[in-house]
Amino acid sequence: MPMPRAPHACLVPLCALLSTLLAAAPAMAGFSVCNRSLDEVNLALGQPGDDGFGTSGWWLIGPGECASPLDRPLGARFLYVFALDAFGRVLLEGATPMCVGPGRFEIRGATDCLTRGYLEARFREIDTRNADDFTLTLHPAPD
């Protein structure tokens, strides 16, 4: 009489196959933002394109989570970010004016925001050092 198989014995080959496939998968390139604060972060991204600067948003990033606004190799050395908390308070800003919208948005052009029906925000320039992959980590503001 044959010995009965353990119910999970057939999972061993499947697990081996999955681990081989996962190990062979190429690393994802792009731009990620990790939120190490205790608040949700709403993130907007600005970047150069073939037809000038463009902005897009909003990515909602929970506490302790990461988001990938760009999941392709970075094509520019500098990216621009602007972040608000859940109450609309500025968490991260810089000196570069660009346009944002009140809801989800993709905006071509970074000038004349108000006359085009958008809001103007000051984005922080992020130097990616020409990397294909870059992660920005947002930390809580010091007290």
N, C-alpha and C. Protein backbone atom coordinates (compact mmCIF):
# COMPACT_ATOMS: atom_id res chain seq x y z
N MET A 1 0.84 -1.17 0.00
CA MET A 1 0.00 0.00 0.00
C MET A 1 0.90 1.24 0.00
N PRO A 2 0.66 2.21 -0.93
CA PRO A 2 1.52 3.39 -0.99
C PRO A 2 1.31 4.27 0.23
N MET A 3 2.38 4.95 0.58
CA MET A 3 2.32 5.89 1.71
C MET A 3 1.53 7.12 1.27
N PRO A 4 0.66 7.64 2.13
CA PRO A 4 -0.04 8.87 1.77
C PRO A 4 0.92 10.05 1.76
N ARG A 5 0.70 10.94 0.82
CA ARG A 5 1.55 12.13 0.71
C ARG A 5 1.08 13.18 1.71
N ALA A 6 2.03 13.89 2.24
CA ALA A 6 1.68 15.01 3.12
C ALA A 6 0.95 16.05 2.27
N PRO A 7 -0.08 16.69 2.82
CA PRO A 7 -0.87 17.61 2.01
C PRO A 7 -0.07 18.76 1.40
N HIS A 8 1.00 19.15 2.02
CA HIS A 8 1.76 20.28 1.48
C HIS A 8 3.05 19.85 0.78
N ALA A 9 3.23 18.56 0.57
CA ALA A 9 4.44 18.09 -0.10
C ALA A 9 4.51 18.57 -1.55
N CYS A 10 3.36 18.72 -2.20
CA CYS A 10 3.37 19.19 -3.59
C CYS A 10 3.70 20.67 -3.68
N LEU A 11 3.68 21.39 -2.58
CA LEU A 11 4.00 22.81 -2.60
C LEU A 11 5.50 23.06 -2.71
N VAL A 12 6.32 22.10 -2.32
CA VAL A 12 7.77 22.29 -2.34
C VAL A 12 8.27 22.61 -3.74
N PRO A 13 7.91 21.81 -4.77
CA PRO A 13 8.38 22.17 -6.12
C PRO A 13 7.84 23.53 -6.59
N LEU A 14 6.60 23.83 -6.24
CA LEU A 14 6.02 25.11 -6.63
C LEU A 14 6.78 26.26 -5.98
N CYS A 15 7.10 26.15 -4.70
CA CYS A 15 7.86 27.19 -4.01
C CYS A 15 9.25 27.35 -4.62
N ALA A 16 9.88 26.25 -4.98
CA ALA A 16 11.20 26.32 -5.61
C ALA A 16 11.12 27.05 -6.94
N LEU A 17 10.08 26.75 -7.73
CA LEU A 17 9.90 27.41 -9.01
C LEU A 17 9.66 28.91 -8.82
N LEU A 18 8.79 29.27 -7.89
CA LEU A 18 8.51 30.68 -7.65
C LEU A 18 9.74 31.43 -7.19
N SER A 19 10.53 30.84 -6.31
CA SER A 19 11.72 31.55 -5.83
C SER A 19 12.73 31.73 -6.96
N THR A 20 12.81 30.77 -7.88
CA THR A 20 13.70 30.91 -9.03
C THR A 20 13.22 32.04 -9.94
N LEU A 21 11.92 32.10 -10.20
CA LEU A 21 11.37 33.15 -11.06
C LEU A 21 11.55 34.52 -10.43
N LEU A 22 11.30 34.63 -9.13
CA LEU A 22 11.45 35.92 -8.47
C LEU A 22 12.90 36.37 -8.43
N ALA A 23 13.82 35.45 -8.24
CA ALA A 23 15.23 35.81 -8.21
C ALA A 23 15.71 36.27 -9.58
N ALA A 24 15.10 35.74 -10.64
CA ALA A 24 15.52 36.09 -12.00
C ALA A 24 14.86 37.37 -12.50
N ALA A 25 13.85 37.86 -11.79
CA ALA A 25 13.16 39.07 -12.24
C ALA A 25 14.09 40.27 -12.16
N PRO A 26 14.06 41.13 -13.17
CA PRO A 26 14.93 42.31 -13.13
C PRO A 26 14.46 43.28 -12.06
N ALA A 27 15.38 44.04 -11.52
CA ALA A 27 15.04 45.04 -10.52
C ALA A 27 14.25 46.16 -11.19
N MET A 28 13.28 46.68 -10.49
CA MET A 28 12.48 47.78 -11.01
C MET A 28 13.25 49.08 -10.89
N ALA A 29 13.28 49.83 -11.94
CA ALA A 29 13.91 51.15 -11.91
C ALA A 29 12.82 52.19 -11.78
N GLY A 30 13.19 53.35 -11.31
CA GLY A 30 12.23 54.43 -11.22
C GLY A 30 12.46 55.32 -10.02
N PHE A 31 11.41 56.05 -9.67
CA PHE A 31 11.46 57.00 -8.56
C PHE A 31 10.44 56.57 -7.52
N SER A 32 10.90 56.33 -6.31
CA SER A 32 10.04 55.94 -5.20
C SER A 32 10.14 56.97 -4.09
N VAL A 33 9.06 57.09 -3.34
CA VAL A 33 9.03 57.98 -2.17
C VAL A 33 8.51 57.17 -0.99
N CYS A 34 9.27 57.18 0.11
CA CYS A 34 8.88 56.46 1.32
C CYS A 34 8.54 57.47 2.41
N ASN A 35 7.45 57.20 3.10
CA ASN A 35 6.94 58.10 4.13
C ASN A 35 7.27 57.51 5.51
N ARG A 36 8.20 58.10 6.21
CA ARG A 36 8.58 57.66 7.55
C ARG A 36 7.93 58.53 8.63
N SER A 37 7.01 59.39 8.24
CA SER A 37 6.31 60.23 9.21
C SER A 37 5.11 59.47 9.76
N LEU A 38 4.41 60.08 10.69
CA LEU A 38 3.22 59.47 11.28
C LEU A 38 1.94 59.94 10.60
N ASP A 39 2.07 60.75 9.56
CA ASP A 39 0.92 61.30 8.85
C ASP A 39 0.89 60.82 7.40
N GLU A 40 -0.32 60.82 6.82
CA GLU A 40 -0.42 60.56 5.39
C GLU A 40 0.21 61.72 4.62
N VAL A 41 0.80 61.40 3.49
CA VAL A 41 1.44 62.41 2.64
C VAL A 41 0.77 62.38 1.28
N ASN A 42 0.44 63.55 0.76
CA ASN A 42 -0.05 63.71 -0.61
C ASN A 42 1.10 64.29 -1.42
N LEU A 43 1.54 63.57 -2.43
CA LEU A 43 2.74 63.93 -3.17
C LEU A 43 2.41 64.32 -4.60
N ALA A 44 3.03 65.41 -5.05
CA ALA A 44 2.97 65.82 -6.46
C ALA A 44 4.39 65.75 -7.02
N LEU A 45 4.49 65.40 -8.29
CA LEU A 45 5.79 65.21 -8.95
C LEU A 45 5.87 66.11 -10.17
N GLY A 46 7.01 66.79 -10.32
CA GLY A 46 7.28 67.59 -11.51
C GLY A 46 8.51 67.03 -12.21
N GLN A 47 8.45 67.03 -13.54
CA GLN A 47 9.59 66.50 -14.30
C GLN A 47 9.62 67.10 -15.69
N PRO A 48 10.83 67.19 -16.25
CA PRO A 48 10.93 67.69 -17.62
C PRO A 48 10.44 66.63 -18.61
N GLY A 49 9.89 67.11 -19.71
CA GLY A 49 9.44 66.21 -20.77
C GLY A 49 9.85 66.78 -22.11
N ASP A 50 9.46 66.11 -23.17
CA ASP A 50 9.79 66.56 -24.52
C ASP A 50 9.19 67.93 -24.83
N ASP A 51 8.03 68.21 -24.25
CA ASP A 51 7.35 69.48 -24.52
C ASP A 51 7.37 70.41 -23.30
N GLY A 52 8.45 70.37 -22.53
CA GLY A 52 8.58 71.24 -21.35
C GLY A 52 8.25 70.50 -20.07
N PHE A 53 8.12 71.26 -19.00
CA PHE A 53 7.85 70.65 -17.70
C PHE A 53 6.40 70.23 -17.59
N GLY A 54 6.21 69.19 -16.79
CA GLY A 54 4.87 68.74 -16.47
C GLY A 54 4.80 68.32 -15.02
N THR A 55 3.61 68.37 -14.46
CA THR A 55 3.40 67.92 -13.09
C THR A 55 2.26 66.91 -13.07
N SER A 56 2.28 66.05 -12.06
CA SER A 56 1.21 65.09 -11.87
C SER A 56 1.07 64.78 -10.39
N GLY A 57 -0.08 64.30 -10.02
CA GLY A 57 -0.34 63.97 -8.62
C GLY A 57 -1.80 63.59 -8.47
N TRP A 58 -2.24 63.35 -7.42
CA TRP A 58 -1.58 63.21 -6.12
C TRP A 58 -1.40 61.73 -5.80
N TRP A 59 -0.26 61.40 -5.23
CA TRP A 59 -0.04 60.05 -4.71
C TRP A 59 -0.24 60.12 -3.20
N LEU A 60 -1.13 59.31 -2.69
CA LEU A 60 -1.36 59.24 -1.25
C LEU A 60 -0.45 58.16 -0.68
N ILE A 61 0.42 58.56 0.25
CA ILE A 61 1.39 57.63 0.84
C ILE A 61 1.13 57.58 2.34
N GLY A 62 0.71 56.43 2.82
CA GLY A 62 0.42 56.26 4.23
C GLY A 62 1.68 56.21 5.08
N PRO A 63 1.53 56.36 6.39
CA PRO A 63 2.69 56.27 7.29
C PRO A 63 3.38 54.92 7.14
N GLY A 64 4.69 54.95 7.00
CA GLY A 64 5.46 53.71 6.86
C GLY A 64 5.36 53.05 5.50
N GLU A 65 4.73 53.70 4.53
CA GLU A 65 4.56 53.11 3.20
C GLU A 65 5.43 53.83 2.18
N CYS A 66 5.56 53.19 1.02
CA CYS A 66 6.29 53.77 -0.11
C CYS A 66 5.37 53.77 -1.33
N ALA A 67 5.60 54.70 -2.23
CA ALA A 67 4.88 54.75 -3.50
C ALA A 67 5.91 54.95 -4.61
N SER A 68 5.53 54.54 -5.82
CA SER A 68 6.43 54.67 -6.97
C SER A 68 5.75 55.51 -8.05
N PRO A 69 5.90 56.84 -7.97
CA PRO A 69 5.30 57.69 -9.00
C PRO A 69 5.85 57.43 -10.40
N LEU A 70 7.09 56.98 -10.50
CA LEU A 70 7.69 56.62 -11.79
C LEU A 70 8.22 55.20 -11.69
N ASP A 71 7.76 54.34 -12.58
CA ASP A 71 8.23 52.95 -12.56
C ASP A 71 9.03 52.61 -13.82
N ARG A 72 9.79 53.59 -14.26
CA ARG A 72 10.67 53.40 -15.42
C ARG A 72 12.00 54.08 -15.10
N PRO A 73 13.05 53.75 -15.83
CA PRO A 73 14.33 54.43 -15.57
C PRO A 73 14.17 55.94 -15.69
N LEU A 74 14.83 56.64 -14.79
CA LEU A 74 14.72 58.10 -14.78
C LEU A 74 15.42 58.68 -16.00
N GLY A 75 14.77 59.61 -16.65
CA GLY A 75 15.35 60.21 -17.85
C GLY A 75 15.98 61.56 -17.61
N ALA A 76 15.92 62.03 -16.37
CA ALA A 76 16.44 63.36 -16.07
C ALA A 76 17.19 63.32 -14.74
N ARG A 77 18.17 64.19 -14.62
CA ARG A 77 18.93 64.24 -13.37
C ARG A 77 18.10 64.83 -12.24
N PHE A 78 17.26 65.82 -12.55
CA PHE A 78 16.49 66.50 -11.52
C PHE A 78 15.00 66.19 -11.64
N LEU A 79 14.40 65.85 -10.52
CA LEU A 79 12.96 65.72 -10.39
C LEU A 79 12.51 66.74 -9.35
N TYR A 80 11.23 67.02 -9.32
CA TYR A 80 10.70 68.05 -8.43
C TYR A 80 9.52 67.49 -7.66
N VAL A 81 9.50 67.70 -6.34
CA VAL A 81 8.43 67.17 -5.52
C VAL A 81 7.84 68.26 -4.63
N PHE A 82 6.56 68.08 -4.34
CA PHE A 82 5.83 68.94 -3.43
C PHE A 82 4.91 68.03 -2.64
N ALA A 83 4.82 68.23 -1.32
CA ALA A 83 4.02 67.33 -0.49
C ALA A 83 3.19 68.11 0.52
N LEU A 84 1.96 67.61 0.72
CA LEU A 84 1.04 68.15 1.71
C LEU A 84 0.64 67.04 2.66
N ASP A 85 0.24 67.40 3.89
CA ASP A 85 -0.31 66.39 4.79
C ASP A 85 -1.81 66.27 4.51
N ALA A 86 -2.49 65.42 5.28
CA ALA A 86 -3.91 65.17 5.05
C ALA A 86 -4.77 66.40 5.31
N PHE A 87 -4.24 67.40 6.01
CA PHE A 87 -4.98 68.61 6.32
C PHE A 87 -4.63 69.77 5.37
N GLY A 88 -3.81 69.48 4.35
CA GLY A 88 -3.43 70.51 3.38
C GLY A 88 -2.26 71.37 3.80
N ARG A 89 -1.59 71.00 4.90
CA ARG A 89 -0.40 71.75 5.32
C ARG A 89 0.80 71.29 4.51
N VAL A 90 1.66 72.23 4.16
CA VAL A 90 2.84 71.92 3.36
C VAL A 90 3.84 71.12 4.20
N LEU A 91 4.27 69.98 3.66
CA LEU A 91 5.29 69.16 4.31
C LEU A 91 6.64 69.28 3.63
N LEU A 92 6.62 69.45 2.32
CA LEU A 92 7.86 69.54 1.56
C LEU A 92 7.65 70.51 0.41
N GLU A 93 8.47 71.54 0.39
CA GLU A 93 8.39 72.52 -0.70
C GLU A 93 9.79 73.01 -1.01
N GLY A 94 9.90 73.75 -2.08
CA GLY A 94 11.20 74.27 -2.48
C GLY A 94 11.03 75.64 -3.10
N ALA A 95 11.83 75.90 -4.13
CA ALA A 95 11.85 77.23 -4.74
C ALA A 95 11.34 77.25 -6.17
N THR A 96 10.99 76.10 -6.73
CA THR A 96 10.62 76.04 -8.15
C THR A 96 9.10 76.05 -8.30
N PRO A 97 8.53 77.14 -8.85
CA PRO A 97 7.07 77.21 -8.99
C PRO A 97 6.58 76.33 -10.14
N MET A 98 5.56 75.53 -9.84
CA MET A 98 4.90 74.69 -10.85
C MET A 98 3.43 74.59 -10.47
N CYS A 99 2.65 73.98 -11.35
CA CYS A 99 1.20 73.92 -11.17
C CYS A 99 0.76 72.60 -10.53
N VAL A 100 -0.30 72.70 -9.71
CA VAL A 100 -0.96 71.53 -9.15
C VAL A 100 -2.46 71.72 -9.28
N GLY A 101 -3.19 70.63 -9.16
CA GLY A 101 -4.64 70.68 -9.18
C GLY A 101 -5.20 70.21 -7.85
N PRO A 102 -6.48 70.48 -7.59
CA PRO A 102 -7.07 70.09 -6.31
C PRO A 102 -7.32 68.58 -6.19
N GLY A 103 -7.55 67.91 -7.30
CA GLY A 103 -7.74 66.46 -7.31
C GLY A 103 -6.64 65.84 -8.15
N ARG A 104 -6.85 64.62 -8.62
CA ARG A 104 -5.84 63.99 -9.49
C ARG A 104 -5.60 64.90 -10.69
N PHE A 105 -4.33 65.00 -11.10
CA PHE A 105 -4.03 65.91 -12.20
C PHE A 105 -2.80 65.45 -12.97
N GLU A 106 -2.76 65.86 -14.23
CA GLU A 106 -1.58 65.80 -15.10
C GLU A 106 -1.60 67.11 -15.87
N ILE A 107 -0.59 67.92 -15.65
CA ILE A 107 -0.56 69.27 -16.21
C ILE A 107 0.70 69.44 -17.05
N ARG A 108 0.55 69.88 -18.28
CA ARG A 108 1.69 70.21 -19.13
C ARG A 108 1.96 71.69 -18.98
N GLY A 109 3.23 72.02 -18.79
CA GLY A 109 3.60 73.42 -18.61
C GLY A 109 3.61 73.78 -17.13
N ALA A 110 4.54 74.66 -16.78
CA ALA A 110 4.71 75.01 -15.36
C ALA A 110 4.49 76.50 -15.10
N THR A 111 3.98 77.22 -16.08
CA THR A 111 3.79 78.66 -15.91
C THR A 111 2.31 79.02 -16.04
N ASP A 112 1.99 80.24 -15.62
CA ASP A 112 0.62 80.77 -15.72
C ASP A 112 -0.42 79.83 -15.09
N CYS A 113 -0.07 79.28 -13.94
CA CYS A 113 -0.94 78.30 -13.29
C CYS A 113 -2.33 78.88 -13.02
N LEU A 114 -2.38 80.03 -12.39
CA LEU A 114 -3.67 80.60 -11.98
C LEU A 114 -4.55 80.94 -13.18
N THR A 115 -3.97 81.50 -14.23
CA THR A 115 -4.77 81.86 -15.41
C THR A 115 -5.26 80.63 -16.16
N ARG A 116 -4.62 79.50 -15.95
CA ARG A 116 -5.06 78.25 -16.58
C ARG A 116 -5.97 77.43 -15.67
N GLY A 117 -6.30 77.97 -14.50
CA GLY A 117 -7.23 77.28 -13.61
C GLY A 117 -6.59 76.33 -12.62
N TYR A 118 -5.29 76.44 -12.43
CA TYR A 118 -4.58 75.58 -11.49
C TYR A 118 -4.07 76.40 -10.31
N LEU A 119 -3.50 75.73 -9.34
CA LEU A 119 -2.84 76.38 -8.21
C LEU A 119 -1.34 76.34 -8.43
N GLU A 120 -0.64 77.32 -7.87
CA GLU A 120 0.82 77.31 -7.96
C GLU A 120 1.39 76.78 -6.65
N ALA A 121 2.38 75.90 -6.76
CA ALA A 121 3.08 75.36 -5.60
C ALA A 121 4.57 75.45 -5.86
N ARG A 122 5.34 75.51 -4.81
CA ARG A 122 6.80 75.61 -4.93
C ARG A 122 7.40 74.23 -4.68
N PHE A 123 7.94 73.65 -5.73
CA PHE A 123 8.47 72.29 -5.69
C PHE A 123 9.94 72.29 -5.27
N ARG A 124 10.33 71.24 -4.56
CA ARG A 124 11.74 71.06 -4.18
C ARG A 124 12.44 70.27 -5.27
N GLU A 125 13.62 70.75 -5.66
CA GLU A 125 14.44 70.07 -6.65
C GLU A 125 15.16 68.90 -5.98
N ILE A 126 15.06 67.72 -6.60
CA ILE A 126 15.72 66.52 -6.10
C ILE A 126 16.78 66.11 -7.12
N ASP A 127 18.03 66.05 -6.69
CA ASP A 127 19.13 65.64 -7.56
C ASP A 127 19.27 64.12 -7.49
N THR A 128 18.91 63.44 -8.56
CA THR A 128 19.00 61.98 -8.60
C THR A 128 20.38 61.49 -9.02
N ARG A 129 21.27 62.42 -9.35
CA ARG A 129 22.65 62.10 -9.78
C ARG A 129 22.67 61.18 -11.00
N ASN A 130 21.68 61.36 -11.87
CA ASN A 130 21.57 60.57 -13.11
C ASN A 130 21.38 59.08 -12.88
N ALA A 131 20.88 58.70 -11.71
CA ALA A 131 20.63 57.29 -11.43
C ALA A 131 19.39 56.82 -12.20
N ASP A 132 19.33 55.53 -12.49
CA ASP A 132 18.13 54.95 -13.10
C ASP A 132 17.04 54.76 -12.05
N ASP A 133 17.46 54.63 -10.80
CA ASP A 133 16.56 54.31 -9.70
C ASP A 133 16.91 55.23 -8.52
N PHE A 134 15.89 55.84 -7.91
CA PHE A 134 16.15 56.76 -6.80
C PHE A 134 14.98 56.70 -5.82
N THR A 135 15.30 56.66 -4.53
CA THR A 135 14.27 56.66 -3.49
C THR A 135 14.46 57.88 -2.60
N LEU A 136 13.39 58.63 -2.43
CA LEU A 136 13.35 59.78 -1.53
C LEU A 136 12.61 59.35 -0.28
N THR A 137 13.20 59.58 0.88
CA THR A 137 12.56 59.22 2.15
C THR A 137 12.16 60.49 2.88
N LEU A 138 10.88 60.57 3.22
CA LEU A 138 10.35 61.70 3.97
C LEU A 138 10.32 61.34 5.45
N HIS A 139 10.94 62.16 6.28
CA HIS A 139 11.01 61.92 7.72
C HIS A 139 10.12 62.92 8.44
N PRO A 140 9.71 62.61 9.67
CA PRO A 140 8.92 63.59 10.44
C PRO A 140 9.70 64.87 10.65
N ALA A 141 8.99 65.97 10.69
CA ALA A 141 9.63 67.26 10.96
C ALA A 141 10.11 67.28 12.41
N PRO A 142 11.29 67.84 12.66
CA PRO A 142 11.76 67.92 14.05
C PRO A 142 10.86 68.85 14.86
N ASP A 143 10.70 68.52 16.13
CA ASP A 143 9.85 69.35 17.01
C ASP A 143 10.49 70.65 17.35
